Structure formats: structure tokens, C-alpha cells
Amino acid sequence: MDNHIEGGGIPRKCECGAPTIILESKTAQNPGRRFYRCGEIYGPNHVFKWLDEAHHEELGILRSQQAMIAKDLAEIKTEIGELKKDIGEIIEVLESFRSKF
């Protein structure tokens, strides 16, 4: 059972377009171990991936995405702080014009 389409995380669809299904191994080597498989066709060039490995990869992907979101959020907070400062300066200029006229 090494017919394995590479890709990170949980395989939601096979390359053939079929959704994946989760099954349980009944082999002596991997009794009870769950896996993703093409929901239509079993064989070469169709998805086969151990569920535990897929979930481990998925967590890595999610951690990476979370780190990118945290970085983007920090940059947005910095930009908002700079915009607030700019707005404050604009208000000061407008008030100085208002007091002159």
C-alpha cells in the first residue's frame, strides 16, 4: 500500500477529482491504522495517505499559516499606529488654519 500521491496535509480530493474517504487498515502490518484513499478508484496514481501522517502535516501547515497571520497582524497594528499619528498631525494643521481665519 505505497500508492501515495504527494502533497501536504489532508488530501481532500484525489488527482482524478474524486473526494477522498477514510478507511481502516486490516493488514497484519498496520491493523486498525486509518488512511485516506480515493473514494472512486484504488490503485496507482490515486490517493493513499496514512491519516496520522496527513494530520501531522496539516498541523504544520496550520502553524505556518498562523505565524504568517500573526506577522501580518503586527504589521497592520504598526500601520494603524502610524495612520493615527498622521491623522493627529493633520488635525493639528487644520486647527492652526482654523485659528488664523
C-alpha atoms as a PDB file:
ATOM      1  CA  MET A   1       0.000   0.000   0.000  1.00  0.00           C
ATOM      2  CA  ASP A   2       2.547   2.602  -1.016  1.00  0.00           C
ATOM      3  CA  ASN A   3       0.494   4.209  -3.792  1.00  0.00           C
ATOM      4  CA  HIS A   4       0.872   7.669  -2.371  1.00  0.00           C
ATOM      5  CA  ILE A   5       0.140  10.972  -4.088  1.00  0.00           C
ATOM      6  CA  GLU A   6       2.468  13.539  -2.527  1.00  0.00           C
ATOM      7  CA  GLY A   7       1.161  16.739  -1.071  1.00  0.00           C
ATOM      8  CA  GLY A   8       0.945  18.413   2.270  1.00  0.00           C
ATOM      9  CA  GLY A   9      -1.755  17.878   4.783  1.00  0.00           C
ATOM     10  CA  ILE A  10      -5.109  16.220   4.464  1.00  0.00           C
ATOM     11  CA  PRO A  11      -5.893  15.022   0.943  1.00  0.00           C
ATOM     12  CA  ARG A  12      -9.435  16.179   0.316  1.00  0.00           C
ATOM     13  CA  LYS A  13      -9.586  15.132  -3.320  1.00  0.00           C
ATOM     14  CA  CYS A  14      -7.725  12.656  -5.467  1.00  0.00           C
ATOM     15  CA  GLU A  15      -5.958  13.866  -8.596  1.00  0.00           C
ATOM     16  CA  CYS A  16      -8.762  12.173 -10.546  1.00  0.00           C
ATOM     17  CA  GLY A  17     -11.187  14.629  -8.925  1.00  0.00           C
ATOM     18  CA  ALA A  18     -12.928  12.154  -6.635  1.00  0.00           C
ATOM     19  CA  PRO A  19     -13.281  13.041  -2.957  1.00  0.00           C
ATOM     20  CA  THR A  20     -11.196  11.015  -0.537  1.00  0.00           C
ATOM     21  CA  ILE A  21     -12.613   8.610   2.008  1.00  0.00           C
ATOM     22  CA  ILE A  22     -11.205   7.344   5.304  1.00  0.00           C
ATOM     23  CA  LEU A  23     -10.776   3.623   5.740  1.00  0.00           C
ATOM     24  CA  GLU A  24      -9.158   1.376   8.327  1.00  0.00           C
ATOM     25  CA  SER A  25      -6.310  -0.983   7.532  1.00  0.00           C
ATOM     26  CA  LYS A  26      -6.943  -4.644   8.114  1.00  0.00           C
ATOM     27  CA  THR A  27      -3.398  -5.781   7.329  1.00  0.00           C
ATOM     28  CA  ALA A  28      -1.147  -7.567   9.815  1.00  0.00           C
ATOM     29  CA  GLN A  29       1.440  -4.766   9.423  1.00  0.00           C
ATOM     30  CA  ASN A  30      -0.946  -1.901  10.211  1.00  0.00           C
ATOM     31  CA  PRO A  31      -4.046  -3.309  11.922  1.00  0.00           C
ATOM     32  CA  GLY A  32      -6.609  -0.612  12.659  1.00  0.00           C
ATOM     33  CA  ARG A  33      -4.478   2.188  11.231  1.00  0.00           C
ATOM     34  CA  ARG A  34      -6.675   4.652   9.395  1.00  0.00           C
ATOM     35  CA  PHE A  35      -5.888   6.116   5.979  1.00  0.00           C
ATOM     36  CA  TYR A  36      -7.214   8.395   3.264  1.00  0.00           C
ATOM     37  CA  ARG A  37      -7.936   6.825  -0.096  1.00  0.00           C
ATOM     38  CA  CYS A  38      -9.510   7.879  -3.365  1.00  0.00           C
ATOM     39  CA  GLY A  39     -13.257   7.435  -2.989  1.00  0.00           C
ATOM     40  CA  GLU A  40     -13.622   6.042  -6.504  1.00  0.00           C
ATOM     41  CA  ILE A  41     -10.570   4.039  -7.557  1.00  0.00           C
ATOM     42  CA  TYR A  42      -7.984   2.036  -5.641  1.00  0.00           C
ATOM     43  CA  GLY A  43      -4.602   1.733  -7.271  1.00  0.00           C
ATOM     44  CA  PRO A  44      -1.554   3.523  -8.608  1.00  0.00           C
ATOM     45  CA  ASN A  45      -1.879   7.266  -9.254  1.00  0.00           C
ATOM     46  CA  HIS A  46      -4.762   7.605  -6.810  1.00  0.00           C
ATOM     47  CA  VAL A  47      -4.630   8.989  -3.283  1.00  0.00           C
ATOM     48  CA  PHE A  48      -3.409   6.850  -0.436  1.00  0.00           C
ATOM     49  CA  LYS A  49      -2.142   8.543   2.700  1.00  0.00           C
ATOM     50  CA  TRP A  50      -1.987   7.490   6.321  1.00  0.00           C
ATOM     51  CA  LEU A  51      -4.364   9.594   8.407  1.00  0.00           C
ATOM     52  CA  ASP A  52      -1.868  10.238  11.228  1.00  0.00           C
ATOM     53  CA  GLU A  53       0.778  11.472   8.778  1.00  0.00           C
ATOM     54  CA  ALA A  54      -1.757  13.658   6.969  1.00  0.00           C
ATOM     55  CA  HIS A  55      -2.910  15.219  10.238  1.00  0.00           C
ATOM     56  CA  HIS A  56       0.671  15.850  11.357  1.00  0.00           C
ATOM     57  CA  GLU A  57       1.387  17.634   8.052  1.00  0.00           C
ATOM     58  CA  GLU A  58      -1.886  19.583   8.308  1.00  0.00           C
ATOM     59  CA  LEU A  59      -0.914  20.867  11.768  1.00  0.00           C
ATOM     60  CA  GLY A  60       2.429  22.029  10.372  1.00  0.00           C
ATOM     61  CA  ILE A  61       0.658  23.875   7.571  1.00  0.00           C
ATOM     62  CA  LEU A  62      -1.758  25.498  10.027  1.00  0.00           C
ATOM     63  CA  ARG A  63       1.100  26.543  12.333  1.00  0.00           C
ATOM     64  CA  SER A  64       2.849  28.175   9.405  1.00  0.00           C
ATOM     65  CA  GLN A  65      -0.332  29.975   8.334  1.00  0.00           C
ATOM     66  CA  GLN A  66      -0.942  31.125  11.904  1.00  0.00           C
ATOM     67  CA  ALA A  67       2.603  32.550  12.105  1.00  0.00           C
ATOM     68  CA  MET A  68       2.064  34.443   8.839  1.00  0.00           C
ATOM     69  CA  ILE A  69      -1.261  35.828  10.100  1.00  0.00           C
ATOM     70  CA  ALA A  70       0.356  36.922  13.376  1.00  0.00           C
ATOM     71  CA  LYS A  71       3.116  38.689  11.438  1.00  0.00           C
ATOM     72  CA  ASP A  72       0.571  40.389   9.160  1.00  0.00           C
ATOM     73  CA  LEU A  73      -1.461  41.469  12.203  1.00  0.00           C
ATOM     74  CA  ALA A  74       1.611  43.002  13.848  1.00  0.00           C
ATOM     75  CA  GLU A  75       2.354  44.935  10.645  1.00  0.00           C
ATOM     76  CA  ILE A  76      -1.265  46.125  10.441  1.00  0.00           C
ATOM     77  CA  LYS A  77      -1.133  47.310  14.072  1.00  0.00           C
ATOM     78  CA  THR A  78       2.044  49.255  13.296  1.00  0.00           C
ATOM     79  CA  GLU A  79       0.448  50.812  10.213  1.00  0.00           C
ATOM     80  CA  ILE A  80      -2.658  51.782  12.212  1.00  0.00           C
ATOM     81  CA  GLY A  81      -0.434  53.463  14.805  1.00  0.00           C
ATOM     82  CA  GLU A  82       1.316  55.411  12.040  1.00  0.00           C
ATOM     83  CA  LEU A  83      -2.039  56.403  10.493  1.00  0.00           C
ATOM     84  CA  LYS A  84      -3.311  57.639  13.866  1.00  0.00           C
ATOM     85  CA  LYS A  85      -0.177  59.750  14.219  1.00  0.00           C
ATOM     86  CA  ASP A  86      -0.642  61.149  10.694  1.00  0.00           C
ATOM     87  CA  ILE A  87      -4.301  61.944  11.406  1.00  0.00           C
ATOM     88  CA  GLY A  88      -3.299  63.721  14.615  1.00  0.00           C
ATOM     89  CA  GLU A  89      -0.801  65.842  12.688  1.00  0.00           C
ATOM     90  CA  ILE A  90      -3.420  66.660  10.016  1.00  0.00           C
ATOM     91  CA  ILE A  91      -5.889  67.726  12.723  1.00  0.00           C
ATOM     92  CA  GLU A  92      -3.232  69.993  14.268  1.00  0.00           C
ATOM     93  CA  VAL A  93      -2.584  71.651  10.889  1.00  0.00           C
ATOM     94  CA  LEU A  94      -6.311  72.111  10.247  1.00  0.00           C
ATOM     95  CA  GLU A  95      -6.811  73.639  13.707  1.00  0.00           C
ATOM     96  CA  SER A  96      -3.913  76.023  13.151  1.00  0.00           C
ATOM     97  CA  PHE A  97      -5.511  77.157   9.833  1.00  0.00           C
ATOM     98  CA  ARG A  98      -8.883  77.494  11.541  1.00  0.00           C
ATOM     99  CA  SER A  99      -7.450  79.742  14.270  1.00  0.00           C
ATOM    100  CA  LYS A 100      -5.797  82.008  11.655  1.00  0.00           C
ATOM    101  CA  PHE A 101      -9.010  82.675   9.731  1.00  0.00           C
END
